[in-house]
Amino acid sequence: MEHHQKLQQEDIAASATERGGGGGDSYHHHHHPSHHLHQQQQQQPVQDDHQLVLGEDKLLLTEYFYHLMRQLRVCRFSENDRKTRGGKRENISIGYGGLQCVHCASAPNARKFFWSNVDRLANSFAEIPSHVLKCRRCPQSVKQALSDLKTIHSAQMSKLPRGSQKVFFRRMWRRLHEEDPHG
């Protein structure tokens, strides 16, 4: 675990210096918004070995988007999930992959997201940051760091290759559904 945390710390530090804080400034990682996210993630137990976002994905994403994705984990649809969110889930198979907020995952009414295809995920993704920033269990330091990173999101987006976010969504979709029950 210690090795994993060290790699995560190096990853965030590299991200902060590689991309800078917009406008060409180079922030030391202790002053960078992602530092707060890193501190928070070290306190959280790793829930699932199956990671949603990997270091290699950083080339496709802004820091805001990368760290937003780190606030989520893979979940599997259960019968209990069918009864929530206004009955829109009657056709989802048990075990189908979805996303869940890591902060409220242990709460009885944890927020989970399930989409029927990758395009629907991409088109309605705004629900995710909306939840994380409102989640009562998400630490204020994480919310603040995400808000700070959002200020440089547009500048970073403009430097990414066109279509890179779509490539990431497809990768994430495969990760979400590679363990779905087939049949």
N, C-alpha and C. Protein backbone atom coordinates (compact mmCIF):
# COMPACT_ATOMS: atom_id res chain seq x y z
N MET A 1 0.83 -1.20 0.00
CA MET A 1 0.00 0.00 0.00
C MET A 1 0.87 1.26 0.00
N GLU A 2 1.95 1.23 0.77
CA GLU A 2 2.82 2.39 0.84
C GLU A 2 3.40 2.71 -0.54
N HIS A 3 3.78 1.68 -1.28
CA HIS A 3 4.31 1.87 -2.63
C HIS A 3 3.26 2.54 -3.53
N HIS A 4 2.01 2.07 -3.42
CA HIS A 4 0.92 2.64 -4.22
C HIS A 4 0.74 4.12 -3.90
N GLN A 5 0.79 4.48 -2.62
CA GLN A 5 0.62 5.88 -2.22
C GLN A 5 1.76 6.73 -2.75
N LYS A 6 2.98 6.19 -2.71
CA LYS A 6 4.13 6.93 -3.21
C LYS A 6 3.98 7.18 -4.71
N LEU A 7 3.55 6.16 -5.45
CA LEU A 7 3.33 6.33 -6.88
C LEU A 7 2.25 7.36 -7.15
N GLN A 8 1.19 7.32 -6.35
CA GLN A 8 0.10 8.27 -6.52
C GLN A 8 0.61 9.70 -6.27
N GLN A 9 1.44 9.85 -5.25
CA GLN A 9 1.99 11.17 -4.92
C GLN A 9 2.88 11.67 -6.07
N GLU A 10 3.73 10.79 -6.59
CA GLU A 10 4.59 11.17 -7.70
C GLU A 10 3.76 11.52 -8.93
N ASP A 11 2.68 10.77 -9.13
CA ASP A 11 1.79 10.99 -10.26
C ASP A 11 1.18 12.39 -10.20
N ILE A 12 0.68 12.76 -9.05
CA ILE A 12 0.05 14.07 -8.88
C ILE A 12 1.10 15.18 -9.00
N ALA A 13 2.27 14.96 -8.41
CA ALA A 13 3.33 15.96 -8.50
C ALA A 13 3.75 16.16 -9.96
N ALA A 14 3.88 15.06 -10.68
CA ALA A 14 4.26 15.16 -12.10
C ALA A 14 3.18 15.89 -12.88
N SER A 15 1.94 15.60 -12.58
CA SER A 15 0.84 16.26 -13.26
C SER A 15 0.88 17.77 -13.03
N ALA A 16 1.14 18.15 -11.81
CA ALA A 16 1.16 19.57 -11.47
C ALA A 16 2.29 20.30 -12.20
N THR A 17 3.45 19.66 -12.31
CA THR A 17 4.56 20.34 -12.96
C THR A 17 4.49 20.23 -14.48
N GLU A 18 3.97 19.10 -15.00
CA GLU A 18 3.85 18.94 -16.45
C GLU A 18 2.90 19.96 -17.05
N ARG A 19 1.74 20.08 -16.43
CA ARG A 19 0.70 20.92 -17.02
C ARG A 19 0.72 22.33 -16.48
N GLY A 20 1.33 22.51 -15.34
CA GLY A 20 1.35 23.83 -14.74
C GLY A 20 -0.04 24.23 -14.32
N GLY A 21 -0.20 25.43 -13.90
CA GLY A 21 -1.50 25.88 -13.42
C GLY A 21 -2.17 26.78 -14.43
N GLY A 22 -1.91 26.58 -15.69
CA GLY A 22 -2.47 27.47 -16.70
C GLY A 22 -1.54 28.66 -16.84
N GLY A 23 -1.53 29.30 -17.95
CA GLY A 23 -0.71 30.48 -18.16
C GLY A 23 0.78 30.22 -18.06
N GLY A 24 1.20 28.96 -18.11
CA GLY A 24 2.62 28.63 -18.08
C GLY A 24 3.24 28.62 -16.70
N ASP A 25 2.49 28.95 -15.66
CA ASP A 25 3.04 28.91 -14.32
C ASP A 25 3.30 27.47 -13.92
N SER A 26 4.35 27.26 -13.17
CA SER A 26 4.64 25.92 -12.68
C SER A 26 4.46 25.91 -11.18
N TYR A 27 3.45 25.21 -10.72
CA TYR A 27 3.18 25.13 -9.29
C TYR A 27 3.91 23.95 -8.69
N HIS A 28 4.45 24.12 -7.51
CA HIS A 28 4.98 22.99 -6.76
C HIS A 28 3.76 22.24 -6.25
N HIS A 29 3.81 20.93 -6.20
CA HIS A 29 2.60 20.16 -5.91
C HIS A 29 2.00 20.45 -4.54
N HIS A 30 2.74 21.01 -3.61
CA HIS A 30 2.15 21.32 -2.31
C HIS A 30 1.20 22.51 -2.39
N HIS A 31 1.34 23.33 -3.42
CA HIS A 31 0.48 24.48 -3.57
C HIS A 31 -0.59 24.25 -4.63
N HIS A 32 -0.55 23.11 -5.22
CA HIS A 32 -1.46 22.79 -6.31
C HIS A 32 -2.76 22.21 -5.75
N PRO A 33 -3.91 22.53 -6.34
CA PRO A 33 -5.18 22.02 -5.83
C PRO A 33 -5.23 20.50 -5.74
N SER A 34 -4.54 19.80 -6.62
CA SER A 34 -4.61 18.34 -6.60
C SER A 34 -3.94 17.77 -5.35
N HIS A 35 -3.10 18.56 -4.68
CA HIS A 35 -2.45 18.08 -3.45
C HIS A 35 -3.51 17.73 -2.40
N HIS A 36 -4.55 18.54 -2.29
CA HIS A 36 -5.61 18.26 -1.32
C HIS A 36 -6.33 16.97 -1.68
N LEU A 37 -6.51 16.73 -2.96
CA LEU A 37 -7.17 15.51 -3.40
C LEU A 37 -6.31 14.31 -3.06
N HIS A 38 -5.01 14.44 -3.24
CA HIS A 38 -4.10 13.35 -2.93
C HIS A 38 -4.14 13.02 -1.44
N GLN A 39 -4.11 14.05 -0.61
CA GLN A 39 -4.16 13.83 0.83
C GLN A 39 -5.44 13.10 1.21
N GLN A 40 -6.54 13.50 0.63
CA GLN A 40 -7.82 12.88 0.94
C GLN A 40 -7.85 11.43 0.49
N GLN A 41 -7.30 11.15 -0.69
CA GLN A 41 -7.34 9.79 -1.21
C GLN A 41 -6.48 8.85 -0.39
N GLN A 42 -5.41 9.36 0.22
CA GLN A 42 -4.59 8.50 1.06
C GLN A 42 -5.36 8.04 2.28
N GLN A 43 -6.30 8.85 2.74
CA GLN A 43 -7.07 8.51 3.92
C GLN A 43 -8.16 7.49 3.61
N GLN A 44 -8.53 7.37 2.35
CA GLN A 44 -9.60 6.45 1.98
C GLN A 44 -9.03 5.08 1.69
N PRO A 45 -9.66 4.03 2.22
CA PRO A 45 -9.20 2.69 1.86
C PRO A 45 -9.50 2.42 0.40
N VAL A 46 -8.67 1.64 -0.23
CA VAL A 46 -8.92 1.28 -1.62
C VAL A 46 -10.08 0.29 -1.62
N GLN A 47 -11.16 0.67 -2.27
CA GLN A 47 -12.39 -0.13 -2.24
C GLN A 47 -12.35 -1.27 -3.25
N ASP A 48 -11.65 -1.06 -4.33
CA ASP A 48 -11.76 -1.97 -5.45
C ASP A 48 -10.44 -1.94 -6.21
N ASP A 49 -9.89 -3.11 -6.48
CA ASP A 49 -8.64 -3.15 -7.24
C ASP A 49 -8.86 -2.71 -8.68
N HIS A 50 -10.09 -2.75 -9.11
CA HIS A 50 -10.45 -2.41 -10.47
C HIS A 50 -10.55 -0.89 -10.58
N GLN A 51 -9.52 -0.26 -11.13
CA GLN A 51 -9.50 1.20 -11.19
C GLN A 51 -10.24 1.74 -12.40
N LEU A 52 -10.90 2.83 -12.17
CA LEU A 52 -11.69 3.49 -13.19
C LEU A 52 -10.82 4.37 -14.08
N VAL A 53 -9.85 5.03 -13.47
CA VAL A 53 -8.97 5.94 -14.20
C VAL A 53 -7.53 5.55 -13.85
N LEU A 54 -6.70 5.43 -14.87
CA LEU A 54 -5.32 5.01 -14.69
C LEU A 54 -4.38 6.15 -15.03
N GLY A 55 -3.14 6.03 -14.61
CA GLY A 55 -2.14 7.05 -14.90
C GLY A 55 -2.04 7.37 -16.39
N GLU A 56 -2.15 6.34 -17.21
CA GLU A 56 -2.05 6.54 -18.67
C GLU A 56 -3.18 7.41 -19.22
N ASP A 57 -4.28 7.51 -18.48
CA ASP A 57 -5.41 8.33 -18.92
C ASP A 57 -5.14 9.82 -18.77
N LYS A 58 -4.13 10.18 -17.99
CA LYS A 58 -3.83 11.60 -17.77
C LYS A 58 -3.52 12.33 -19.07
N LEU A 59 -3.02 11.61 -20.05
CA LEU A 59 -2.71 12.23 -21.34
C LEU A 59 -3.98 12.66 -22.08
N LEU A 60 -5.11 12.09 -21.68
CA LEU A 60 -6.38 12.36 -22.36
C LEU A 60 -7.27 13.35 -21.61
N LEU A 61 -6.91 13.66 -20.38
CA LEU A 61 -7.82 14.40 -19.50
C LEU A 61 -7.18 15.64 -18.90
N THR A 62 -8.03 16.58 -18.53
CA THR A 62 -7.55 17.71 -17.74
C THR A 62 -7.38 17.23 -16.30
N GLU A 63 -6.65 17.99 -15.52
CA GLU A 63 -6.48 17.63 -14.11
C GLU A 63 -7.83 17.58 -13.40
N TYR A 64 -8.69 18.53 -13.71
CA TYR A 64 -10.02 18.57 -13.10
C TYR A 64 -10.76 17.26 -13.37
N PHE A 65 -10.78 16.85 -14.62
CA PHE A 65 -11.52 15.66 -15.01
C PHE A 65 -10.88 14.41 -14.40
N TYR A 66 -9.56 14.35 -14.42
CA TYR A 66 -8.84 13.21 -13.85
C TYR A 66 -9.18 13.06 -12.37
N HIS A 67 -9.08 14.15 -11.64
CA HIS A 67 -9.32 14.08 -10.19
C HIS A 67 -10.80 13.92 -9.86
N LEU A 68 -11.67 14.41 -10.72
CA LEU A 68 -13.10 14.15 -10.56
C LEU A 68 -13.36 12.64 -10.67
N MET A 69 -12.74 12.02 -11.66
CA MET A 69 -12.92 10.58 -11.86
C MET A 69 -12.39 9.77 -10.68
N ARG A 70 -11.40 10.32 -9.98
CA ARG A 70 -10.84 9.64 -8.81
C ARG A 70 -11.82 9.66 -7.63
N GLN A 71 -12.89 10.42 -7.75
CA GLN A 71 -13.92 10.46 -6.69
C GLN A 71 -15.00 9.40 -6.93
N LEU A 72 -14.79 8.59 -7.95
CA LEU A 72 -15.77 7.57 -8.32
C LEU A 72 -15.15 6.19 -8.27
N ARG A 73 -16.00 5.20 -8.16
CA ARG A 73 -15.54 3.82 -8.23
C ARG A 73 -16.56 3.00 -9.00
N VAL A 74 -16.13 1.84 -9.43
CA VAL A 74 -17.02 0.92 -10.12
C VAL A 74 -17.99 0.33 -9.10
N CYS A 75 -19.24 0.22 -9.49
CA CYS A 75 -20.21 -0.49 -8.66
C CYS A 75 -20.96 -1.46 -9.57
N ARG A 76 -21.66 -2.36 -8.97
CA ARG A 76 -22.45 -3.35 -9.71
C ARG A 76 -23.92 -3.19 -9.33
N PHE A 77 -24.77 -3.23 -10.33
CA PHE A 77 -26.20 -3.07 -10.11
C PHE A 77 -26.73 -4.24 -9.27
N SER A 78 -27.53 -3.89 -8.26
CA SER A 78 -28.14 -4.91 -7.41
C SER A 78 -29.65 -4.71 -7.40
N GLU A 79 -30.36 -5.66 -6.87
CA GLU A 79 -31.82 -5.57 -6.80
C GLU A 79 -32.25 -4.33 -6.02
N ASN A 80 -31.49 -3.96 -5.00
CA ASN A 80 -31.81 -2.76 -4.21
C ASN A 80 -31.75 -1.49 -5.05
N ASP A 81 -30.89 -1.48 -6.06
CA ASP A 81 -30.76 -0.30 -6.92
C ASP A 81 -31.99 -0.10 -7.81
N ARG A 82 -32.73 -1.16 -8.03
CA ARG A 82 -33.90 -1.10 -8.90
C ARG A 82 -34.99 -0.20 -8.31
N LYS A 83 -35.04 -0.12 -7.01
CA LYS A 83 -36.12 0.59 -6.32
C LYS A 83 -35.88 2.10 -6.21
N THR A 84 -34.73 2.56 -6.67
CA THR A 84 -34.41 3.98 -6.50
C THR A 84 -34.55 4.76 -7.81
N ARG A 85 -34.44 6.06 -7.70
CA ARG A 85 -34.38 6.98 -8.83
C ARG A 85 -35.61 6.91 -9.73
N GLY A 86 -36.77 6.79 -9.14
CA GLY A 86 -38.01 6.94 -9.91
C GLY A 86 -38.37 5.79 -10.83
N GLY A 87 -37.89 4.59 -10.55
CA GLY A 87 -38.31 3.42 -11.32
C GLY A 87 -37.80 3.34 -12.74
N LYS A 88 -36.73 4.04 -13.06
CA LYS A 88 -36.20 4.03 -14.42
C LYS A 88 -35.25 2.86 -14.66
N ARG A 89 -35.13 1.98 -13.70
CA ARG A 89 -34.09 0.96 -13.77
C ARG A 89 -34.63 -0.46 -13.91
N GLU A 90 -35.82 -0.62 -14.45
CA GLU A 90 -36.41 -1.96 -14.50
C GLU A 90 -35.72 -2.89 -15.50
N ASN A 91 -35.02 -2.34 -16.49
CA ASN A 91 -34.40 -3.20 -17.51
C ASN A 91 -32.91 -3.46 -17.31
N ILE A 92 -32.36 -3.05 -16.19
CA ILE A 92 -30.93 -3.23 -15.95
C ILE A 92 -30.69 -4.60 -15.33
N SER A 93 -29.70 -5.31 -15.84
CA SER A 93 -29.36 -6.64 -15.32
C SER A 93 -28.59 -6.54 -14.02
N ILE A 94 -28.82 -7.49 -13.13
CA ILE A 94 -28.05 -7.57 -11.89
C ILE A 94 -26.58 -7.78 -12.26
N GLY A 95 -25.70 -7.01 -11.63
CA GLY A 95 -24.27 -7.12 -11.90
C GLY A 95 -23.76 -6.16 -12.97
N TYR A 96 -24.65 -5.40 -13.60
CA TYR A 96 -24.27 -4.44 -14.64
C TYR A 96 -23.41 -3.35 -14.02
N GLY A 97 -22.35 -2.95 -14.72
CA GLY A 97 -21.41 -1.96 -14.19
C GLY A 97 -21.94 -0.54 -14.22
N GLY A 98 -21.61 0.19 -13.18
CA GLY A 98 -21.97 1.60 -13.09
C GLY A 98 -20.92 2.34 -12.29
N LEU A 99 -21.18 3.61 -12.02
CA LEU A 99 -20.28 4.44 -11.24
C LEU A 99 -20.94 4.79 -9.92
N GLN A 100 -20.10 4.96 -8.91
CA GLN A 100 -20.59 5.30 -7.58
C GLN A 100 -19.63 6.30 -6.94
N CYS A 101 -20.18 7.26 -6.25
CA CYS A 101 -19.38 8.23 -5.49
C CYS A 101 -18.66 7.49 -4.36
N VAL A 102 -17.34 7.67 -4.26
CA VAL A 102 -16.59 6.97 -3.20
C VAL A 102 -16.91 7.53 -1.81
N HIS A 103 -17.38 8.75 -1.76
CA HIS A 103 -17.60 9.39 -0.47
C HIS A 103 -18.88 8.92 0.21
N CYS A 104 -19.92 8.67 -0.56
CA CYS A 104 -21.18 8.24 0.05
C CYS A 104 -21.48 6.77 -0.24
N ALA A 105 -20.48 6.03 -0.71
CA ALA A 105 -20.69 4.63 -1.09
C ALA A 105 -21.24 3.77 0.04
N SER A 106 -20.86 4.08 1.27
CA SER A 106 -21.32 3.25 2.40
C SER A 106 -22.67 3.71 2.95
N ALA A 107 -23.19 4.81 2.45
CA ALA A 107 -24.48 5.32 2.91
C ALA A 107 -25.61 4.49 2.31
N PRO A 108 -26.73 4.39 3.02
CA PRO A 108 -27.85 3.58 2.50
C PRO A 108 -28.40 4.09 1.17
N ASN A 109 -28.35 5.39 0.94
CA ASN A 109 -28.87 5.95 -0.31
C ASN A 109 -27.73 6.47 -1.18
N ALA A 110 -26.66 5.69 -1.27
CA ALA A 110 -25.47 6.09 -2.03
C ALA A 110 -25.85 6.41 -3.48
N ARG A 111 -25.19 7.42 -4.03
CA ARG A 111 -25.47 7.84 -5.40
C ARG A 111 -24.73 6.93 -6.37
N LYS A 112 -25.50 6.32 -7.26
CA LYS A 112 -24.95 5.44 -8.28
C LYS A 112 -25.45 5.90 -9.64
N PHE A 113 -24.63 5.66 -10.65
CA PHE A 113 -24.96 6.09 -12.01
C PHE A 113 -24.84 4.89 -12.95
N PHE A 114 -25.89 4.66 -13.72
CA PHE A 114 -25.89 3.58 -14.71
C PHE A 114 -26.37 4.14 -16.04
N TRP A 115 -25.64 3.82 -17.11
CA TRP A 115 -26.02 4.27 -18.45
C TRP A 115 -26.13 3.06 -19.36
N SER A 116 -26.98 3.18 -20.37
CA SER A 116 -27.17 2.05 -21.28
C SER A 116 -26.08 1.95 -22.34
N ASN A 117 -25.40 3.07 -22.63
CA ASN A 117 -24.30 3.02 -23.59
C ASN A 117 -23.34 4.18 -23.36
N VAL A 118 -22.20 4.12 -24.02
CA VAL A 118 -21.14 5.10 -23.79
C VAL A 118 -21.55 6.51 -24.21
N ASP A 119 -22.38 6.63 -25.24
CA ASP A 119 -22.82 7.96 -25.67
C ASP A 119 -23.72 8.62 -24.62
N ARG A 120 -24.59 7.82 -24.02
CA ARG A 120 -25.44 8.37 -22.96
C ARG A 120 -24.60 8.81 -21.77
N LEU A 121 -23.59 8.03 -21.45
CA LEU A 121 -22.67 8.39 -20.36
C LEU A 121 -22.04 9.75 -20.68
N ALA A 122 -21.48 9.88 -21.87
CA ALA A 122 -20.80 11.12 -22.26
C ALA A 122 -21.76 12.31 -22.26
N ASN A 123 -22.98 12.10 -22.72
CA ASN A 123 -23.93 13.20 -22.84
C ASN A 123 -24.54 13.64 -21.51
N SER A 124 -24.55 12.76 -20.53
CA SER A 124 -25.16 13.14 -19.25
C SER A 124 -24.15 13.16 -18.11
N PHE A 125 -22.88 13.25 -18.47
CA PHE A 125 -21.83 13.17 -17.46
C PHE A 125 -21.88 14.32 -16.46
N ALA A 126 -22.49 15.42 -16.80
CA ALA A 126 -22.56 16.59 -15.91
C ALA A 126 -23.21 16.25 -14.56
N GLU A 127 -23.99 15.16 -14.52
CA GLU A 127 -24.58 14.73 -13.25
C GLU A 127 -23.51 14.38 -12.22
N ILE A 128 -22.37 13.90 -12.69
CA ILE A 128 -21.32 13.43 -11.79
C ILE A 128 -20.71 14.58 -10.98
N PRO A 129 -20.13 15.60 -11.64
CA PRO A 129 -19.56 16.68 -10.82
C PRO A 129 -20.63 17.37 -9.97
N SER A 130 -21.83 17.44 -10.49
CA SER A 130 -22.92 18.04 -9.74
C SER A 130 -23.12 17.29 -8.42
N HIS A 131 -23.12 15.96 -8.49
CA HIS A 131 -23.27 15.19 -7.25
C HIS A 131 -22.07 15.37 -6.32
N VAL A 132 -20.86 15.18 -6.85
CA VAL A 132 -19.66 15.22 -6.00
C VAL A 132 -19.57 16.56 -5.26
N LEU A 133 -19.86 17.64 -5.96
CA LEU A 133 -19.75 18.96 -5.33
C LEU A 133 -20.87 19.22 -4.31
N LYS A 134 -21.96 18.46 -4.39
CA LYS A 134 -23.05 18.61 -3.42
C LYS A 134 -23.05 17.51 -2.36
N CYS A 135 -22.29 16.45 -2.58
CA CYS A 135 -22.31 15.29 -1.69
C CYS A 135 -21.96 15.70 -0.25
N ARG A 136 -22.82 15.36 0.68
CA ARG A 136 -22.60 15.72 2.08
C ARG A 136 -21.40 15.02 2.68
N ARG A 137 -21.04 13.88 2.12
CA ARG A 137 -19.92 13.11 2.68
C ARG A 137 -18.58 13.42 2.02
N CYS A 138 -18.61 14.17 0.95
CA CYS A 138 -17.36 14.56 0.28
C CYS A 138 -16.71 15.68 1.09
N PRO A 139 -15.45 15.50 1.50
CA PRO A 139 -14.78 16.53 2.30
C PRO A 139 -14.69 17.87 1.57
N GLN A 140 -14.80 18.93 2.32
CA GLN A 140 -14.74 20.28 1.75
C GLN A 140 -13.42 20.51 1.01
N SER A 141 -12.33 19.93 1.52
CA SER A 141 -11.03 20.12 0.86
C SER A 141 -11.03 19.54 -0.55
N VAL A 142 -11.73 18.43 -0.75
CA VAL A 142 -11.83 17.82 -2.08
C VAL A 142 -12.68 18.71 -2.98
N LYS A 143 -13.80 19.18 -2.45
CA LYS A 143 -14.67 20.06 -3.24
C LYS A 143 -13.92 21.32 -3.65
N GLN A 144 -13.15 21.89 -2.72
CA GLN A 144 -12.41 23.11 -3.02
C GLN A 144 -11.33 22.85 -4.07
N ALA A 145 -10.62 21.73 -3.92
CA ALA A 145 -9.57 21.40 -4.89
C ALA A 145 -10.17 21.20 -6.29
N LEU A 146 -11.31 20.53 -6.36
CA LEU A 146 -11.96 20.35 -7.66
C LEU A 146 -12.41 21.69 -8.24
N SER A 147 -12.94 22.55 -7.39
CA SER A 147 -13.35 23.88 -7.85
C SER A 147 -12.15 24.66 -8.37
N ASP A 148 -11.03 24.56 -7.67
CA ASP A 148 -9.81 25.25 -8.11
C ASP A 148 -9.33 24.70 -9.45
N LEU A 149 -9.34 23.37 -9.58
CA LEU A 149 -8.89 22.76 -10.83
C LEU A 149 -9.83 23.11 -11.99
N LYS A 150 -11.09 23.31 -11.67
CA LYS A 150 -12.05 23.64 -12.73
C LYS A 150 -11.71 24.99 -13.38
N THR A 151 -11.06 25.87 -12.62
CA THR A 151 -10.72 27.18 -13.18
C THR A 151 -9.69 27.09 -14.31
N ILE A 152 -8.90 26.01 -14.33
CA ILE A 152 -7.91 25.84 -15.41
C ILE A 152 -8.34 24.77 -16.41
N HIS A 153 -9.53 24.22 -16.20
CA HIS A 153 -10.04 23.14 -17.04
C HIS A 153 -10.13 23.54 -18.52
N SER A 154 -10.71 24.69 -18.81
CA SER A 154 -10.88 25.12 -20.21
C SER A 154 -9.54 25.31 -20.90
N ALA A 155 -8.60 25.94 -20.20
CA ALA A 155 -7.27 26.16 -20.79
C ALA A 155 -6.59 24.82 -21.07
N GLN A 156 -6.73 23.87 -20.16
CA GLN A 156 -6.13 22.56 -20.36
C GLN A 156 -6.85 21.79 -21.48
N MET A 157 -8.17 21.91 -21.54
CA MET A 157 -8.93 21.24 -22.60
C MET A 157 -8.45 21.68 -23.98
N SER A 158 -8.16 22.97 -24.11
CA SER A 158 -7.76 23.49 -25.42
C SER A 158 -6.41 22.94 -25.87
N LYS A 159 -5.62 22.42 -24.94
CA LYS A 159 -4.30 21.86 -25.28
C LYS A 159 -4.34 20.36 -25.54
N LEU A 160 -5.46 19.73 -25.21
CA LEU A 160 -5.58 18.29 -25.42
C LEU A 160 -5.96 17.99 -26.86
N PRO A 161 -5.56 16.83 -27.37
CA PRO A 161 -5.97 16.46 -28.73
C PRO A 161 -7.49 16.37 -28.84
N ARG A 162 -8.02 16.82 -29.95
CA ARG A 162 -9.46 16.77 -30.17
C ARG A 162 -9.95 15.32 -30.05
N GLY A 163 -11.03 15.13 -29.32
CA GLY A 163 -11.60 13.79 -29.17
C GLY A 163 -10.99 12.97 -28.04
N SER A 164 -10.06 13.53 -27.30
CA SER A 164 -9.38 12.75 -26.25
C SER A 164 -10.34 12.34 -25.13
N GLN A 165 -11.29 13.21 -24.81
CA GLN A 165 -12.24 12.86 -23.74
C GLN A 165 -13.12 11.69 -24.18
N LYS A 166 -13.48 11.67 -25.45
CA LYS A 166 -14.29 10.57 -25.99
C LYS A 166 -13.50 9.26 -25.92
N VAL A 167 -12.21 9.33 -26.22
CA VAL A 167 -11.35 8.14 -26.11
C VAL A 167 -11.36 7.64 -24.67
N PHE A 168 -11.24 8.57 -23.72
CA PHE A 168 -11.27 8.18 -22.31
C PHE A 168 -12.60 7.53 -21.94
N PHE A 169 -13.72 8.13 -22.37
CA PHE A 169 -15.03 7.56 -22.05
C PHE A 169 -15.13 6.12 -22.56
N ARG A 170 -14.60 5.87 -23.75
CA ARG A 170 -14.65 4.50 -24.29
C ARG A 170 -13.80 3.55 -23.45
N ARG A 171 -12.63 4.01 -23.04
CA ARG A 171 -11.77 3.19 -22.17
C ARG A 171 -12.49 2.89 -20.86
N MET A 172 -13.05 3.93 -20.27
CA MET A 172 -13.73 3.78 -18.99
C MET A 172 -14.93 2.84 -19.14
N TRP A 173 -15.64 2.96 -20.24
CA TRP A 173 -16.80 2.10 -20.50
C TRP A 173 -16.37 0.63 -20.52
N ARG A 174 -15.25 0.36 -21.18
CA ARG A 174 -14.75 -1.03 -21.21
C ARG A 174 -14.40 -1.51 -19.80
N ARG A 175 -13.76 -0.65 -19.02
CA ARG A 175 -13.40 -1.02 -17.64
C ARG A 175 -14.65 -1.28 -16.80
N LEU A 176 -15.66 -0.46 -17.01
CA LEU A 176 -16.91 -0.61 -16.25
C LEU A 176 -17.61 -1.92 -16.55
N HIS A 177 -17.53 -2.35 -17.79
CA HIS A 177 -18.37 -3.46 -18.23
C HIS A 177 -17.62 -4.76 -18.52
N GLU A 178 -16.31 -4.78 -18.31
CA GLU A 178 -15.58 -6.01 -18.62
C GLU A 178 -15.96 -7.17 -17.70
N GLU A 179 -16.53 -6.87 -16.54
CA GLU A 179 -16.93 -7.94 -15.62
C GLU A 179 -18.45 -8.10 -15.53
N ASP A 180 -19.16 -7.48 -16.46
CA ASP A 180 -20.62 -7.64 -16.48
C ASP A 180 -20.98 -9.10 -16.73
N PRO A 181 -22.09 -9.55 -16.14
CA PRO A 181 -22.55 -10.91 -16.46
C PRO A 181 -23.01 -10.94 -17.91
N HIS A 182 -22.64 -11.97 -18.62
CA HIS A 182 -23.05 -12.09 -20.02
C HIS A 182 -24.13 -13.14 -20.12
N GLY A 183 -25.15 -12.84 -20.87
CA GLY A 183 -26.19 -13.85 -21.03
C GLY A 183 -27.49 -13.24 -20.98
